C-alpha atoms as a PDB file:
ATOM      1  CA  UNK A   1     -24.627  -2.170  16.441  1.00  0.00           C
ATOM      2  CA  UNK A   2     -20.939  -1.307  17.006  1.00  0.00           C
ATOM      3  CA  UNK A   3     -20.085  -4.937  17.715  1.00  0.00           C
ATOM      4  CA  UNK A   4     -21.713  -5.992  14.441  1.00  0.00           C
ATOM      5  CA  UNK A   5     -19.819  -3.266  12.564  1.00  0.00           C
ATOM      6  CA  UNK A   6     -16.566  -4.457  14.149  1.00  0.00           C
ATOM      7  CA  UNK A   7     -17.283  -8.011  12.997  1.00  0.00           C
ATOM      8  CA  UNK A   8     -18.053  -6.829   9.469  1.00  0.00           C
ATOM      9  CA  UNK A   9     -14.842  -4.777   9.364  1.00  0.00           C
ATOM     10  CA  UNK A  10     -12.854  -7.761  10.613  1.00  0.00           C
ATOM     11  CA  UNK A  11     -14.298  -9.979   7.852  1.00  0.00           C
ATOM     12  CA  UNK A  12     -13.615  -7.311   5.204  1.00  0.00           C
ATOM     13  CA  UNK A  13     -10.084  -6.886   6.570  1.00  0.00           C
ATOM     14  CA  UNK A  14      -9.402 -10.620   6.307  1.00  0.00           C
ATOM     15  CA  UNK A  15     -10.732 -10.592   2.746  1.00  0.00           C
ATOM     16  CA  UNK A  16      -8.481  -7.652   1.873  1.00  0.00           C
ATOM     17  CA  UNK A  17      -5.503  -9.458   3.404  1.00  0.00           C
ATOM     18  CA  UNK A  18      -6.225 -12.607   1.397  1.00  0.00           C
ATOM     19  CA  UNK A  19      -6.648 -10.610  -1.810  1.00  0.00           C
ATOM     20  CA  UNK A  20      -3.437  -8.623  -1.204  1.00  0.00           C
ATOM     21  CA  UNK A  21      -1.466 -11.770  -0.444  1.00  0.00           C
ATOM     22  CA  UNK A  22      -2.768 -13.420  -3.617  1.00  0.00           C
ATOM     23  CA  UNK A  23      -1.937 -10.412  -5.781  1.00  0.00           C
ATOM     24  CA  UNK A  24       1.558 -10.197  -4.273  1.00  0.00           C
ATOM     25  CA  UNK A  25       2.177 -13.888  -4.942  1.00  0.00           C
ATOM     26  CA  UNK A  26       1.065 -13.616  -8.570  1.00  0.00           C
ATOM     27  CA  UNK A  27       2.903 -10.339  -9.212  1.00  0.00           C
ATOM     28  CA  UNK A  28       6.098 -11.488  -7.484  1.00  0.00           C
ATOM     29  CA  UNK A  29       6.106 -14.761  -9.386  1.00  0.00           C
ATOM     30  CA  UNK A  30       5.439 -12.940 -12.666  1.00  0.00           C
ATOM     31  CA  UNK A  31       8.326 -10.506 -12.091  1.00  0.00           C
ATOM     32  CA  UNK A  32      10.764 -13.315 -11.341  1.00  0.00           C
ATOM     33  CA  UNK A  33       9.627 -15.466 -14.285  1.00  0.00           C
ATOM     34  CA  UNK A  34       9.689 -12.548 -16.729  1.00  0.00           C
ATOM     35  CA  UNK A  35      13.179 -11.503 -15.696  1.00  0.00           C
ATOM     36  CA  UNK A  36      14.422 -15.097 -15.902  1.00  0.00           C
ATOM     37  CA  UNK A  37      12.793 -15.567 -19.310  1.00  0.00           C
ATOM     38  CA  UNK A  38      14.310 -12.321 -20.556  1.00  0.00           C
ATOM     39  CA  UNK A  39      17.779 -13.320 -19.374  1.00  0.00           C
ATOM     40  CA  UNK A  40      17.440 -16.822 -20.846  1.00  0.00           C
ATOM     41  CA  UNK A  41      16.223 -15.514 -24.184  1.00  0.00           C
ATOM     42  CA  UNK A  42      18.876 -12.821 -24.401  1.00  0.00           C
ATOM     43  CA  UNK A  43      21.971 -14.649 -23.156  1.00  0.00           C
ATOM     44  CA  UNK A  44      21.284 -18.273 -24.065  1.00  0.00           C
ATOM     45  CA  UNK A  45      19.131 -18.123 -27.173  1.00  0.00           C
ATOM     46  CA  UNK A  46      20.424 -14.690 -28.313  1.00  0.00           C
ATOM     47  CA  UNK A  47      16.838 -13.471 -28.820  1.00  0.00           C
ATOM     48  CA  UNK A  48      15.680 -10.085 -27.588  1.00  0.00           C
ATOM     49  CA  UNK A  49      12.518 -10.148 -25.437  1.00  0.00           C
ATOM     50  CA  UNK A  50      11.424  -6.800 -26.816  1.00  0.00           C
ATOM     51  CA  UNK A  51       9.244  -4.782 -24.434  1.00  0.00           C
ATOM     52  CA  UNK A  52       9.646  -7.129 -21.481  1.00  0.00           C
ATOM     53  CA  UNK A  53      10.420  -4.184 -19.196  1.00  0.00           C
ATOM     54  CA  UNK A  54       6.904  -2.842 -19.776  1.00  0.00           C
ATOM     55  CA  UNK A  55       5.353  -6.060 -18.506  1.00  0.00           C
ATOM     56  CA  UNK A  56       7.808  -6.347 -15.598  1.00  0.00           C
ATOM     57  CA  UNK A  57       7.080  -2.739 -14.664  1.00  0.00           C
ATOM     58  CA  UNK A  58       3.335  -3.376 -14.666  1.00  0.00           C
ATOM     59  CA  UNK A  59       3.669  -6.334 -12.296  1.00  0.00           C
ATOM     60  CA  UNK A  60       6.276  -4.432 -10.280  1.00  0.00           C
ATOM     61  CA  UNK A  61       3.855  -1.574  -9.620  1.00  0.00           C
ATOM     62  CA  UNK A  62       1.231  -4.022  -8.415  1.00  0.00           C
ATOM     63  CA  UNK A  63       3.738  -5.867  -6.229  1.00  0.00           C
ATOM     64  CA  UNK A  64       5.118  -2.687  -4.677  1.00  0.00           C
ATOM     65  CA  UNK A  65       1.865  -0.881  -3.951  1.00  0.00           C
ATOM     66  CA  UNK A  66      -0.141  -3.921  -2.866  1.00  0.00           C
ATOM     67  CA  UNK A  67       2.802  -4.833  -0.615  1.00  0.00           C
ATOM     68  CA  UNK A  68       2.571  -1.385   0.933  1.00  0.00           C
ATOM     69  CA  UNK A  69      -1.112  -2.004   1.684  1.00  0.00           C
ATOM     70  CA  UNK A  70      -0.133  -5.213   3.491  1.00  0.00           C
ATOM     71  CA  UNK A  71       2.526  -3.281   5.442  1.00  0.00           C
ATOM     72  CA  UNK A  72      -0.007  -0.603   6.441  1.00  0.00           C
ATOM     73  CA  UNK A  73      -2.475  -3.278   7.485  1.00  0.00           C
ATOM     74  CA  UNK A  74       0.098  -4.986   9.695  1.00  0.00           C
ATOM     75  CA  UNK A  75       1.735  -1.742  10.836  1.00  0.00           C
ATOM     76  CA  UNK A  76       5.038  -3.084   9.585  1.00  0.00           C
ATOM     77  CA  UNK A  77       5.930  -0.217   7.272  1.00  0.00           C
ATOM     78  CA  UNK A  78       9.044   1.860   7.798  1.00  0.00           C
ATOM     79  CA  UNK A  79       8.937   4.066  10.848  1.00  0.00           C
ATOM     80  CA  UNK A  80      11.296   6.490  12.536  1.00  0.00           C
ATOM     81  CA  UNK A  81       9.505   6.520  15.881  1.00  0.00           C
ATOM     82  CA  UNK A  82      12.092   7.610  18.443  1.00  0.00           C
ATOM     83  CA  UNK A  83       9.798   8.955  21.153  1.00  0.00           C
ATOM     84  CA  UNK A  84      10.455   5.889  23.315  1.00  0.00           C
ATOM     85  CA  UNK A  85      14.163   6.755  23.270  1.00  0.00           C
ATOM     86  CA  UNK A  86      13.588  10.228  24.722  1.00  0.00           C
ATOM     87  CA  UNK A  87      10.875   9.541  27.280  1.00  0.00           C
ATOM     88  CA  UNK A  88       9.272   6.750  29.246  1.00  0.00           C
ATOM     89  CA  UNK A  89       6.197   8.804  30.109  1.00  0.00           C
ATOM     90  CA  UNK A  90       3.290   6.768  28.687  1.00  0.00           C
ATOM     91  CA  UNK A  91       1.045   9.806  28.315  1.00  0.00           C
ATOM     92  CA  UNK A  92       3.657  11.641  26.211  1.00  0.00           C
ATOM     93  CA  UNK A  93       4.214   8.504  24.115  1.00  0.00           C
ATOM     94  CA  UNK A  94       0.459   8.175  23.481  1.00  0.00           C
ATOM     95  CA  UNK A  95       0.093  11.873  22.594  1.00  0.00           C
ATOM     96  CA  UNK A  96       2.991  11.625  20.133  1.00  0.00           C
ATOM     97  CA  UNK A  97       1.459   8.468  18.656  1.00  0.00           C
ATOM     98  CA  UNK A  98      -1.860  10.257  18.187  1.00  0.00           C
ATOM     99  CA  UNK A  99      -0.137  13.252  16.560  1.00  0.00           C
ATOM    100  CA  UNK A 100       1.807  10.882  14.284  1.00  0.00           C
ATOM    101  CA  UNK A 101      -1.354   9.094  13.186  1.00  0.00           C
ATOM    102  CA  UNK A 102      -3.355  12.294  12.590  1.00  0.00           C
ATOM    103  CA  UNK A 103      -0.516  13.881  10.583  1.00  0.00           C
ATOM    104  CA  UNK A 104      -0.076  10.674   8.587  1.00  0.00           C
ATOM    105  CA  UNK A 105      -3.803  10.656   7.808  1.00  0.00           C
ATOM    106  CA  UNK A 106      -3.696  14.308   6.695  1.00  0.00           C
ATOM    107  CA  UNK A 107      -0.739  13.622   4.390  1.00  0.00           C
ATOM    108  CA  UNK A 108      -2.472  10.511   3.046  1.00  0.00           C
ATOM    109  CA  UNK A 109      -5.619  12.546   2.331  1.00  0.00           C
ATOM    110  CA  UNK A 110      -3.457  14.902   0.277  1.00  0.00           C
ATOM    111  CA  UNK A 111      -1.969  11.881  -1.529  1.00  0.00           C
ATOM    112  CA  UNK A 112      -5.466  10.562  -2.258  1.00  0.00           C
ATOM    113  CA  UNK A 113      -6.424  13.935  -3.754  1.00  0.00           C
ATOM    114  CA  UNK A 114      -3.291  13.985  -5.916  1.00  0.00           C
ATOM    115  CA  UNK A 115      -3.911  10.411  -7.053  1.00  0.00           C
ATOM    116  CA  UNK A 116      -7.488  11.240  -8.008  1.00  0.00           C
ATOM    117  CA  UNK A 117      -6.299  14.257 -10.007  1.00  0.00           C
ATOM    118  CA  UNK A 118      -3.534  12.232 -11.660  1.00  0.00           C
ATOM    119  CA  UNK A 119      -5.887   9.372 -12.472  1.00  0.00           C
ATOM    120  CA  UNK A 120      -8.529  11.639 -14.028  1.00  0.00           C
ATOM    121  CA  UNK A 121      -5.891  13.562 -16.020  1.00  0.00           C
ATOM    122  CA  UNK A 122      -4.351  10.305 -17.256  1.00  0.00           C
ATOM    123  CA  UNK A 123      -7.750   8.812 -18.022  1.00  0.00           C
ATOM    124  CA  UNK A 124      -8.599  11.648 -20.385  1.00  0.00           C
ATOM    125  CA  UNK A 125      -5.266  11.366 -22.243  1.00  0.00           C
ATOM    126  CA  UNK A 126      -5.356   7.543 -22.460  1.00  0.00           C
ATOM    127  CA  UNK A 127      -1.545   7.097 -22.684  1.00  0.00           C
ATOM    128  CA  UNK A 128      -0.148   3.647 -23.481  1.00  0.00           C
ATOM    129  CA  UNK A 129       3.273   2.021 -23.370  1.00  0.00           C
ATOM    130  CA  UNK A 130       5.316   2.191 -26.544  1.00  0.00           C
ATOM    131  CA  UNK A 131       5.756  -1.521 -27.342  1.00  0.00           C
ATOM    132  CA  UNK A 132       2.781  -3.504 -26.035  1.00  0.00           C
ATOM    133  CA  UNK A 133       0.359  -0.551 -25.874  1.00  0.00           C
ATOM    134  CA  UNK A 134      -0.509  -1.321 -22.239  1.00  0.00           C
ATOM    135  CA  UNK A 135      -2.672   1.500 -20.820  1.00  0.00           C
ATOM    136  CA  UNK A 136      -0.822   3.478 -18.149  1.00  0.00           C
ATOM    137  CA  UNK A 137      -3.866   3.499 -15.914  1.00  0.00           C
ATOM    138  CA  UNK A 138      -3.244  -0.222 -15.264  1.00  0.00           C
ATOM    139  CA  UNK A 139       0.052   0.838 -13.688  1.00  0.00           C
ATOM    140  CA  UNK A 140      -1.468   3.826 -11.902  1.00  0.00           C
ATOM    141  CA  UNK A 141      -4.446   1.996 -10.416  1.00  0.00           C
ATOM    142  CA  UNK A 142      -2.475   0.159  -7.693  1.00  0.00           C
ATOM    143  CA  UNK A 143      -1.002   3.487  -6.560  1.00  0.00           C
ATOM    144  CA  UNK A 144      -4.477   4.997  -6.192  1.00  0.00           C
ATOM    145  CA  UNK A 145      -5.761   1.865  -4.478  1.00  0.00           C
ATOM    146  CA  UNK A 146      -2.795   1.905  -2.107  1.00  0.00           C
ATOM    147  CA  UNK A 147      -3.451   5.499  -1.042  1.00  0.00           C
ATOM    148  CA  UNK A 148      -7.124   4.708  -0.413  1.00  0.00           C
ATOM    149  CA  UNK A 149      -6.258   1.639   1.652  1.00  0.00           C
ATOM    150  CA  UNK A 150      -3.539   3.529   3.536  1.00  0.00           C
ATOM    151  CA  UNK A 151      -6.224   6.077   4.398  1.00  0.00           C
ATOM    152  CA  UNK A 152      -8.518   3.312   5.639  1.00  0.00           C
ATOM    153  CA  UNK A 153      -5.796   1.822   7.843  1.00  0.00           C
ATOM    154  CA  UNK A 154      -4.698   5.250   9.076  1.00  0.00           C
ATOM    155  CA  UNK A 155      -8.270   5.953  10.186  1.00  0.00           C
ATOM    156  CA  UNK A 156      -8.082   2.660  12.075  1.00  0.00           C
ATOM    157  CA  UNK A 157      -4.759   3.706  13.619  1.00  0.00           C
ATOM    158  CA  UNK A 158      -6.186   7.089  14.649  1.00  0.00           C
ATOM    159  CA  UNK A 159      -9.163   5.426  16.324  1.00  0.00           C
ATOM    160  CA  UNK A 160      -6.828   3.025  18.161  1.00  0.00           C
ATOM    161  CA  UNK A 161      -4.601   5.925  19.250  1.00  0.00           C
ATOM    162  CA  UNK A 162      -7.570   7.960  20.483  1.00  0.00           C
ATOM    163  CA  UNK A 163      -8.936   4.976  22.394  1.00  0.00           C
ATOM    164  CA  UNK A 164      -5.473   4.326  23.820  1.00  0.00           C
ATOM    165  CA  UNK A 165      -5.134   7.950  24.879  1.00  0.00           C
ATOM    166  CA  UNK A 166      -8.591   8.087  26.465  1.00  0.00           C
ATOM    167  CA  UNK A 167      -8.388   4.680  28.105  1.00  0.00           C
ATOM    168  CA  UNK A 168      -4.770   4.954  29.226  1.00  0.00           C
ATOM    169  CA  UNK A 169      -3.963   1.514  27.865  1.00  0.00           C
ATOM    170  CA  UNK A 170      -1.117   0.358  25.648  1.00  0.00           C
ATOM    171  CA  UNK A 171      -1.638   0.805  21.935  1.00  0.00           C
ATOM    172  CA  UNK A 172      -2.801  -2.505  20.497  1.00  0.00           C
ATOM    173  CA  UNK A 173      -1.839  -3.951  17.150  1.00  0.00           C
ATOM    174  CA  UNK A 174      -4.774  -4.596  14.856  1.00  0.00           C
END
């Protein structure tokens, strides 16, 4: 049963990685092309690309938050882990890693709650951008998705830390 669940999670994880990579490619390309088009129109053709910042911002939100999901998945996000500098005791290092992961999960759960509140508040107001009338929830959705996925990967990290602590083995990268 657990082995089957692990296989399913691995397949879902690969699908998430492929989807995130695809979204980042599209969003990154769109940001670059929109900025280049805006510069070309403004400085070469002397035409204002009115409202381009709204579109760039939309793709920028997707790029940033989906990129953070990829970083959480790969455990390559910013970290200030200095425990290894102060001690070489593996048990202390594992305990600190477990505390780090549990605290990160608790903070992420708070972020998920705030995102849900923000999303529902914004949904009722239905705000839009001033030029192209793009609904703000299209910009807010990747933030909410990112917090949910961070929570998923932090649960994974907590499980790995607990197993590492119990088994006395090195923490493994997922």
